[in-house]
Amino acid sequence: MAFERINQKDWYKILGAKPSDSPAELKRKYQKLALLEADVAAGEAEERVQRFIEIDQAWKILGNEQTKKEYDLQQREDNLTKEWPLHEQIYLEDMCWNEDEQLYTLSCRCGGNYSVSKSETKDVSLVCCDTCSLVIEILQ
C-alpha cells in the first residue's frame, strides 16, 4: 500500500534510525521508543499519544519492505530535486514516443536528450539529460 507524499515526514528521524539500518535494528529502535512512550504521566498523555502515533506510523512504513523501498525512492527523488538544477516540468504526452526504441524522448537545450522507457514512466518522475546536468520532472 502506497502512502501519501503530502503528509510525509522524516520517518528515520522519528525512529532515530538511518536508511542503512537493518530491519532488526529498525524494529529494535521502534520497540524502544514505543516502550518509552507507553510510560506516561497524567499531564503528558495527549502529547505522548501523538508521539506514539508518529512512532507507530514510522514503523509501519519502515518496517515493511515495500513501503520502505517506496519511501527511500521518494526521499532520493526529493534530494535530487534539491541538488540538481530542475530545468522544466513536462507532461509525458508532450514528449516524443519512439516506437522502435520503446522510449519517450525530449531534446535538451544542450543538444542531448531526456529519455524514459514506457515501463519506467510509473516509477520515475525525474529524468536527467544524457549529456548535461539538467533534469526534467515528468508530470502524469
N, C-alpha and C. Protein backbone atom coordinates (compact mmCIF):
# COMPACT_ATOMS: atom_id res chain seq x y z
N MET A 1 0.84 -1.18 0.00
CA MET A 1 0.00 0.00 0.00
C MET A 1 0.89 1.25 0.00
N ALA A 2 0.69 2.11 -0.94
CA ALA A 2 1.47 3.34 -1.02
C ALA A 2 0.94 4.36 -0.02
N PHE A 3 1.79 5.30 0.34
CA PHE A 3 1.38 6.33 1.29
C PHE A 3 1.49 7.68 0.62
N GLU A 4 0.76 8.63 1.14
CA GLU A 4 0.71 9.95 0.54
C GLU A 4 2.00 10.72 0.79
N ARG A 5 2.50 11.36 -0.24
CA ARG A 5 3.69 12.18 -0.13
C ARG A 5 3.37 13.47 0.64
N ILE A 6 2.13 13.93 0.58
CA ILE A 6 1.73 15.20 1.18
C ILE A 6 2.07 15.25 2.67
N ASN A 7 1.75 14.19 3.38
CA ASN A 7 1.96 14.17 4.83
C ASN A 7 3.29 13.54 5.21
N GLN A 8 4.17 13.40 4.26
CA GLN A 8 5.41 12.71 4.51
C GLN A 8 6.29 13.46 5.51
N LYS A 9 6.81 12.71 6.45
CA LYS A 9 7.72 13.24 7.45
C LYS A 9 9.03 12.49 7.31
N ASP A 10 10.02 12.88 8.09
CA ASP A 10 11.28 12.15 8.09
C ASP A 10 11.13 10.98 9.07
N TRP A 11 10.67 9.85 8.55
CA TRP A 11 10.37 8.70 9.40
C TRP A 11 11.63 8.14 10.05
N TYR A 12 12.78 8.24 9.39
CA TYR A 12 14.02 7.78 10.00
C TYR A 12 14.35 8.61 11.24
N LYS A 13 14.18 9.91 11.12
CA LYS A 13 14.47 10.80 12.25
C LYS A 13 13.54 10.48 13.43
N ILE A 14 12.28 10.22 13.14
CA ILE A 14 11.31 9.91 14.19
C ILE A 14 11.74 8.66 14.97
N LEU A 15 12.28 7.64 14.26
CA LEU A 15 12.74 6.43 14.92
C LEU A 15 14.18 6.54 15.43
N GLY A 16 14.86 7.62 15.08
CA GLY A 16 16.27 7.74 15.45
C GLY A 16 17.11 6.74 14.68
N ALA A 17 16.74 6.52 13.43
CA ALA A 17 17.37 5.49 12.60
C ALA A 17 18.03 6.10 11.37
N LYS A 18 18.70 5.23 10.61
CA LYS A 18 19.33 5.61 9.35
C LYS A 18 18.81 4.68 8.25
N PRO A 19 18.83 5.13 6.99
CA PRO A 19 18.39 4.26 5.90
C PRO A 19 19.18 2.95 5.81
N SER A 20 20.41 2.96 6.28
CA SER A 20 21.25 1.75 6.20
C SER A 20 20.98 0.76 7.34
N ASP A 21 20.16 1.14 8.31
CA ASP A 21 19.86 0.22 9.42
C ASP A 21 19.14 -1.03 8.91
N SER A 22 19.48 -2.16 9.49
CA SER A 22 18.84 -3.42 9.12
C SER A 22 17.40 -3.43 9.63
N PRO A 23 16.56 -4.33 9.08
CA PRO A 23 15.19 -4.44 9.60
C PRO A 23 15.16 -4.75 11.11
N ALA A 24 16.09 -5.57 11.58
CA ALA A 24 16.14 -5.89 13.00
C ALA A 24 16.48 -4.64 13.83
N GLU A 25 17.40 -3.83 13.33
CA GLU A 25 17.77 -2.61 14.04
C GLU A 25 16.61 -1.61 14.05
N LEU A 26 15.90 -1.49 12.93
CA LEU A 26 14.72 -0.61 12.88
C LEU A 26 13.68 -1.06 13.89
N LYS A 27 13.46 -2.37 13.96
CA LYS A 27 12.47 -2.91 14.89
C LYS A 27 12.89 -2.64 16.33
N ARG A 28 14.17 -2.83 16.64
CA ARG A 28 14.67 -2.58 17.99
C ARG A 28 14.45 -1.12 18.39
N LYS A 29 14.74 -0.20 17.47
CA LYS A 29 14.57 1.23 17.77
C LYS A 29 13.09 1.58 17.95
N TYR A 30 12.24 0.98 17.11
CA TYR A 30 10.79 1.19 17.25
C TYR A 30 10.31 0.70 18.62
N GLN A 31 10.70 -0.52 18.99
CA GLN A 31 10.24 -1.09 20.26
C GLN A 31 10.72 -0.26 21.45
N LYS A 32 11.95 0.20 21.39
CA LYS A 32 12.49 1.01 22.48
C LYS A 32 11.68 2.30 22.63
N LEU A 33 11.41 2.97 21.50
CA LEU A 33 10.65 4.22 21.56
C LEU A 33 9.20 3.98 21.99
N ALA A 34 8.60 2.90 21.50
CA ALA A 34 7.22 2.59 21.87
C ALA A 34 7.10 2.34 23.36
N LEU A 35 8.07 1.66 23.94
CA LEU A 35 8.05 1.42 25.39
C LEU A 35 8.22 2.71 26.17
N LEU A 36 9.08 3.60 25.70
CA LEU A 36 9.27 4.89 26.37
C LEU A 36 7.99 5.71 26.36
N GLU A 37 7.27 5.68 25.24
CA GLU A 37 6.04 6.46 25.13
C GLU A 37 4.89 5.85 25.93
N ALA A 38 4.98 4.55 26.21
CA ALA A 38 3.91 3.89 26.97
C ALA A 38 3.93 4.29 28.44
N ASP A 39 5.11 4.62 28.95
CA ASP A 39 5.25 5.05 30.35
C ASP A 39 4.96 6.55 30.42
N VAL A 40 3.70 6.90 30.72
CA VAL A 40 3.27 8.28 30.58
C VAL A 40 2.72 8.85 31.88
N ALA A 41 3.07 10.09 32.14
CA ALA A 41 2.49 10.82 33.28
C ALA A 41 1.14 11.39 32.86
N ALA A 42 0.25 11.60 33.81
CA ALA A 42 -1.11 12.04 33.51
C ALA A 42 -1.17 13.32 32.70
N GLY A 43 -0.36 14.32 32.99
CA GLY A 43 -0.41 15.61 32.30
C GLY A 43 0.14 15.58 30.88
N GLU A 44 0.87 14.53 30.54
CA GLU A 44 1.50 14.46 29.23
C GLU A 44 0.80 13.47 28.30
N ALA A 45 -0.34 12.96 28.68
CA ALA A 45 -0.99 11.88 27.94
C ALA A 45 -1.25 12.22 26.48
N GLU A 46 -1.87 13.36 26.22
CA GLU A 46 -2.22 13.70 24.84
C GLU A 46 -0.98 13.85 23.96
N GLU A 47 0.02 14.54 24.49
CA GLU A 47 1.27 14.74 23.76
C GLU A 47 1.96 13.40 23.47
N ARG A 48 1.96 12.53 24.46
CA ARG A 48 2.60 11.22 24.30
C ARG A 48 1.83 10.34 23.31
N VAL A 49 0.51 10.44 23.32
CA VAL A 49 -0.30 9.67 22.37
C VAL A 49 0.05 10.09 20.94
N GLN A 50 0.16 11.39 20.71
CA GLN A 50 0.52 11.88 19.38
C GLN A 50 1.91 11.40 18.97
N ARG A 51 2.82 11.44 19.91
CA ARG A 51 4.19 10.97 19.63
C ARG A 51 4.18 9.48 19.31
N PHE A 52 3.39 8.70 20.07
CA PHE A 52 3.31 7.26 19.80
C PHE A 52 2.72 6.99 18.42
N ILE A 53 1.71 7.76 18.04
CA ILE A 53 1.11 7.59 16.71
C ILE A 53 2.15 7.84 15.62
N GLU A 54 2.98 8.86 15.81
CA GLU A 54 4.06 9.15 14.85
C GLU A 54 5.06 8.00 14.78
N ILE A 55 5.46 7.50 15.94
CA ILE A 55 6.42 6.39 16.01
C ILE A 55 5.83 5.16 15.34
N ASP A 56 4.56 4.88 15.61
CA ASP A 56 3.90 3.73 15.02
C ASP A 56 3.80 3.86 13.50
N GLN A 57 3.48 5.06 13.02
CA GLN A 57 3.40 5.28 11.57
C GLN A 57 4.78 5.09 10.93
N ALA A 58 5.82 5.59 11.59
CA ALA A 58 7.18 5.41 11.08
C ALA A 58 7.50 3.93 10.96
N TRP A 59 7.14 3.15 11.95
CA TRP A 59 7.40 1.72 11.92
C TRP A 59 6.60 1.03 10.81
N LYS A 60 5.33 1.43 10.63
CA LYS A 60 4.51 0.83 9.58
C LYS A 60 5.13 1.05 8.20
N ILE A 61 5.76 2.19 8.01
CA ILE A 61 6.38 2.49 6.72
C ILE A 61 7.75 1.83 6.60
N LEU A 62 8.59 2.00 7.61
CA LEU A 62 9.96 1.49 7.52
C LEU A 62 10.07 0.00 7.85
N GLY A 63 9.10 -0.55 8.54
CA GLY A 63 9.14 -1.96 8.89
C GLY A 63 8.63 -2.88 7.79
N ASN A 64 8.02 -2.32 6.78
CA ASN A 64 7.52 -3.08 5.64
C ASN A 64 8.48 -2.87 4.47
N GLU A 65 8.98 -3.95 3.91
CA GLU A 65 9.99 -3.85 2.85
C GLU A 65 9.53 -3.01 1.66
N GLN A 66 8.30 -3.20 1.22
CA GLN A 66 7.80 -2.48 0.05
C GLN A 66 7.61 -0.99 0.32
N THR A 67 6.97 -0.65 1.45
CA THR A 67 6.75 0.77 1.73
C THR A 67 8.05 1.48 2.07
N LYS A 68 9.01 0.77 2.67
CA LYS A 68 10.33 1.35 2.94
C LYS A 68 11.03 1.67 1.62
N LYS A 69 10.93 0.75 0.68
CA LYS A 69 11.54 0.97 -0.64
C LYS A 69 10.93 2.19 -1.32
N GLU A 70 9.59 2.29 -1.29
CA GLU A 70 8.90 3.45 -1.89
C GLU A 70 9.31 4.74 -1.20
N TYR A 71 9.37 4.71 0.12
CA TYR A 71 9.76 5.89 0.89
C TYR A 71 11.19 6.31 0.56
N ASP A 72 12.11 5.33 0.52
CA ASP A 72 13.51 5.64 0.21
C ASP A 72 13.64 6.24 -1.19
N LEU A 73 12.87 5.71 -2.14
CA LEU A 73 12.91 6.27 -3.51
C LEU A 73 12.39 7.71 -3.52
N GLN A 74 11.33 7.97 -2.79
CA GLN A 74 10.79 9.33 -2.72
C GLN A 74 11.79 10.28 -2.05
N GLN A 75 12.48 9.79 -1.03
CA GLN A 75 13.49 10.62 -0.36
C GLN A 75 14.62 10.95 -1.33
N ARG A 76 15.07 9.96 -2.10
CA ARG A 76 16.14 10.20 -3.08
C ARG A 76 15.68 11.18 -4.15
N GLU A 77 14.45 11.02 -4.58
CA GLU A 77 13.90 11.93 -5.59
C GLU A 77 13.83 13.35 -5.05
N ASP A 78 13.37 13.50 -3.82
CA ASP A 78 13.31 14.83 -3.20
C ASP A 78 14.70 15.44 -3.09
N ASN A 79 15.68 14.62 -2.71
CA ASN A 79 17.06 15.11 -2.61
C ASN A 79 17.61 15.51 -3.96
N LEU A 80 17.29 14.74 -5.00
CA LEU A 80 17.75 15.10 -6.35
C LEU A 80 17.17 16.44 -6.78
N THR A 81 15.90 16.65 -6.47
CA THR A 81 15.26 17.91 -6.83
C THR A 81 15.97 19.08 -6.16
N LYS A 82 16.42 18.87 -4.93
CA LYS A 82 17.11 19.93 -4.21
C LYS A 82 18.53 20.13 -4.73
N GLU A 83 19.19 19.05 -5.15
CA GLU A 83 20.60 19.10 -5.53
C GLU A 83 20.83 19.37 -7.01
N TRP A 84 19.94 18.95 -7.85
CA TRP A 84 20.12 19.08 -9.29
C TRP A 84 19.31 20.27 -9.81
N PRO A 85 19.81 20.91 -10.84
CA PRO A 85 19.03 22.02 -11.42
C PRO A 85 17.84 21.47 -12.20
N LEU A 86 16.64 21.75 -11.72
CA LEU A 86 15.43 21.30 -12.40
C LEU A 86 15.16 22.27 -13.55
N HIS A 87 15.31 21.76 -14.75
CA HIS A 87 15.18 22.59 -15.94
C HIS A 87 13.73 22.92 -16.26
N GLU A 88 12.87 21.91 -16.16
CA GLU A 88 11.50 22.11 -16.61
C GLU A 88 10.60 20.99 -16.10
N GLN A 89 9.32 21.27 -16.03
CA GLN A 89 8.32 20.25 -15.75
C GLN A 89 7.59 19.98 -17.05
N ILE A 90 7.51 18.71 -17.43
CA ILE A 90 6.96 18.29 -18.72
C ILE A 90 5.91 17.21 -18.50
N TYR A 91 4.82 17.31 -19.22
CA TYR A 91 3.85 16.22 -19.22
C TYR A 91 4.33 15.13 -20.16
N LEU A 92 4.12 13.90 -19.77
CA LEU A 92 4.58 12.76 -20.56
C LEU A 92 4.07 12.84 -22.00
N GLU A 93 2.84 13.28 -22.16
CA GLU A 93 2.27 13.35 -23.51
C GLU A 93 2.95 14.42 -24.38
N ASP A 94 3.73 15.32 -23.77
CA ASP A 94 4.47 16.33 -24.55
C ASP A 94 5.82 15.81 -25.03
N MET A 95 6.19 14.62 -24.59
CA MET A 95 7.44 14.01 -25.05
C MET A 95 7.16 13.21 -26.31
N CYS A 96 8.20 12.97 -27.10
CA CYS A 96 8.06 12.20 -28.34
C CYS A 96 8.19 10.71 -28.04
N TRP A 97 7.29 9.92 -28.61
CA TRP A 97 7.33 8.46 -28.45
C TRP A 97 8.09 7.87 -29.61
N ASN A 98 9.12 7.07 -29.31
CA ASN A 98 9.91 6.38 -30.32
C ASN A 98 9.53 4.91 -30.28
N GLU A 99 8.74 4.47 -31.25
CA GLU A 99 8.21 3.11 -31.29
C GLU A 99 9.33 2.06 -31.39
N ASP A 100 10.35 2.34 -32.20
CA ASP A 100 11.44 1.38 -32.39
C ASP A 100 12.20 1.11 -31.09
N GLU A 101 12.50 2.16 -30.35
CA GLU A 101 13.27 2.01 -29.12
C GLU A 101 12.41 1.88 -27.88
N GLN A 102 11.09 2.06 -28.03
CA GLN A 102 10.15 1.99 -26.92
C GLN A 102 10.53 3.00 -25.82
N LEU A 103 10.81 4.25 -26.26
CA LEU A 103 11.23 5.31 -25.36
C LEU A 103 10.46 6.60 -25.61
N TYR A 104 10.22 7.32 -24.53
CA TYR A 104 9.78 8.70 -24.65
C TYR A 104 11.03 9.54 -24.61
N THR A 105 11.15 10.52 -25.50
CA THR A 105 12.34 11.37 -25.52
C THR A 105 11.94 12.84 -25.64
N LEU A 106 12.87 13.68 -25.22
CA LEU A 106 12.71 15.12 -25.32
C LEU A 106 14.10 15.70 -25.49
N SER A 107 14.24 16.64 -26.41
CA SER A 107 15.54 17.27 -26.63
C SER A 107 15.83 18.27 -25.52
N CYS A 108 17.05 18.27 -25.07
CA CYS A 108 17.52 19.22 -24.07
C CYS A 108 18.09 20.44 -24.79
N ARG A 109 18.18 21.55 -24.10
CA ARG A 109 18.72 22.76 -24.72
C ARG A 109 20.19 22.62 -25.06
N CYS A 110 20.89 21.64 -24.44
CA CYS A 110 22.31 21.43 -24.73
C CYS A 110 22.52 20.59 -25.98
N GLY A 111 21.44 20.03 -26.52
CA GLY A 111 21.55 19.16 -27.68
C GLY A 111 21.43 17.69 -27.33
N GLY A 112 21.48 17.36 -26.04
CA GLY A 112 21.31 15.99 -25.59
C GLY A 112 19.84 15.63 -25.52
N ASN A 113 19.55 14.51 -24.89
CA ASN A 113 18.17 14.03 -24.80
C ASN A 113 17.82 13.57 -23.40
N TYR A 114 16.57 13.76 -23.05
CA TYR A 114 15.97 13.13 -21.89
C TYR A 114 15.25 11.92 -22.42
N SER A 115 15.46 10.75 -21.82
CA SER A 115 14.82 9.53 -22.30
C SER A 115 14.27 8.73 -21.13
N VAL A 116 13.09 8.18 -21.34
CA VAL A 116 12.48 7.32 -20.33
C VAL A 116 11.67 6.24 -21.05
N SER A 117 11.85 4.99 -20.63
CA SER A 117 11.11 3.89 -21.25
C SER A 117 9.68 3.87 -20.72
N LYS A 118 8.83 3.22 -21.47
CA LYS A 118 7.42 3.15 -21.09
C LYS A 118 7.25 2.48 -19.73
N SER A 119 8.05 1.44 -19.47
CA SER A 119 7.94 0.74 -18.19
C SER A 119 8.40 1.59 -17.01
N GLU A 120 9.28 2.57 -17.25
CA GLU A 120 9.78 3.43 -16.18
C GLU A 120 8.83 4.58 -15.85
N THR A 121 7.89 4.87 -16.71
CA THR A 121 7.06 6.06 -16.53
C THR A 121 6.26 6.05 -15.24
N LYS A 122 5.93 4.88 -14.71
CA LYS A 122 5.16 4.80 -13.47
C LYS A 122 6.03 5.05 -12.24
N ASP A 123 7.32 4.71 -12.33
CA ASP A 123 8.22 4.80 -11.18
C ASP A 123 9.12 6.03 -11.19
N VAL A 124 9.32 6.63 -12.35
CA VAL A 124 10.29 7.72 -12.48
C VAL A 124 9.57 9.03 -12.72
N SER A 125 9.96 10.05 -11.98
CA SER A 125 9.40 11.37 -12.26
C SER A 125 10.49 12.37 -12.61
N LEU A 126 11.74 12.07 -12.26
CA LEU A 126 12.87 12.94 -12.62
C LEU A 126 13.74 12.22 -13.63
N VAL A 127 14.10 12.93 -14.71
CA VAL A 127 14.93 12.33 -15.75
C VAL A 127 16.08 13.27 -16.05
N CYS A 128 17.29 12.72 -16.06
CA CYS A 128 18.49 13.50 -16.35
C CYS A 128 18.76 13.52 -17.84
N CYS A 129 19.32 14.62 -18.29
CA CYS A 129 19.78 14.72 -19.67
C CYS A 129 20.96 13.75 -19.84
N ASP A 130 21.09 13.17 -21.03
CA ASP A 130 22.18 12.22 -21.24
C ASP A 130 23.54 12.89 -21.50
N THR A 131 23.57 14.23 -21.61
CA THR A 131 24.87 14.88 -21.84
C THR A 131 25.18 16.02 -20.87
N CYS A 132 24.21 16.59 -20.20
CA CYS A 132 24.49 17.68 -19.26
C CYS A 132 23.86 17.36 -17.90
N SER A 133 23.90 18.30 -17.00
CA SER A 133 23.41 18.06 -15.64
C SER A 133 21.96 18.49 -15.42
N LEU A 134 21.27 18.92 -16.47
CA LEU A 134 19.89 19.36 -16.29
C LEU A 134 18.95 18.18 -16.08
N VAL A 135 17.88 18.46 -15.37
CA VAL A 135 16.89 17.43 -15.03
C VAL A 135 15.50 17.98 -15.35
N ILE A 136 14.63 17.10 -15.86
CA ILE A 136 13.23 17.48 -16.03
C ILE A 136 12.39 16.63 -15.09
N GLU A 137 11.25 17.17 -14.71
CA GLU A 137 10.29 16.42 -13.92
C GLU A 137 9.15 16.05 -14.84
N ILE A 138 8.82 14.78 -14.88
CA ILE A 138 7.72 14.31 -15.72
C ILE A 138 6.44 14.31 -14.90
N LEU A 139 5.47 15.03 -15.37
CA LEU A 139 4.17 15.11 -14.71
C LEU A 139 3.22 14.13 -15.38
N GLN A 140 2.42 13.47 -14.61
CA GLN A 140 1.49 12.47 -15.15
C GLN A 140 0.09 13.02 -15.20
